[in-house]
Amino acid sequence: MSLFIESMRVEPDGSVPLLSYHEARVSSTLNDFDQNAKNTLLEEFQKRLQKLLQNGPSNCIRKYRVIYSIKGIKEAYLTTYSIRPIATLTFTSITFDYSHKYADRININSAYHQHPATDDILMIKDGFLTDTSYGNIALYDGGDWYTPETPLLAGCRRQYLIDNGQILTKKIRIVEMNSYSYLMIFNALIPFGRILIPTQSLHLDSNL
């Protein structure tokens, strides 16, 4: 049975800014595997969070991480969270899919560990940019920010930024990188604007 994960940013006041987007992704995942599990599981997500907030850390940014299946929640916990600095990225080619947020990240982790000298990897599939090992990306062309039309995983913050017109979608080939000056990394826990990397600092994998 497949296990999935959902990681949410919890503000110091206990609010989850992207909660509706997380619920939409969980609903979509469950619809693909078992529609009958959806309503009960979403209610349990909320109950677990409220219970953890009563006894967990406070006055800081926290990560609410849930591991679940169509049968229910397997594990849920709340921890303090800080952003890991990313200064360098290495392009690397992949062939696998990750359309749902599976708990099994063996393919992503394997690709990442092939490049121990870099802070993170930027995965290329069929010649197109997708994601880093743990976040979506957007590229700046001097006027607008563009995120790959075909990410490895369609993230919650990515969808929020698209819905609010802050980023645009576009198929971006690796050979087009010279058209962009900056790359942004973001995810549900990392707000847009926190990790900005000049494209000139990106490195090509010799296998590309």
Foldseek 3Di string as FASTA:
>chain_A
DFKAKDKFKAALVRDTVLLVLSLVQQCVVCVVPPNVQNPVQNVVLVVVSVVQVVPDDHPAIKMWMWMADSVHTPDIHIDGDDDDAFAEEEEDEDADAPAGRTPDLPRLVVRFVVCVPHPWYFYAYPQWTADISPWWKWFAQPPATETEPHHSYCASVNVVCVVVVRYHYDTHGPVCLVSTQKMWTDHNHRDTPPHIYGSVRYHYDPVD
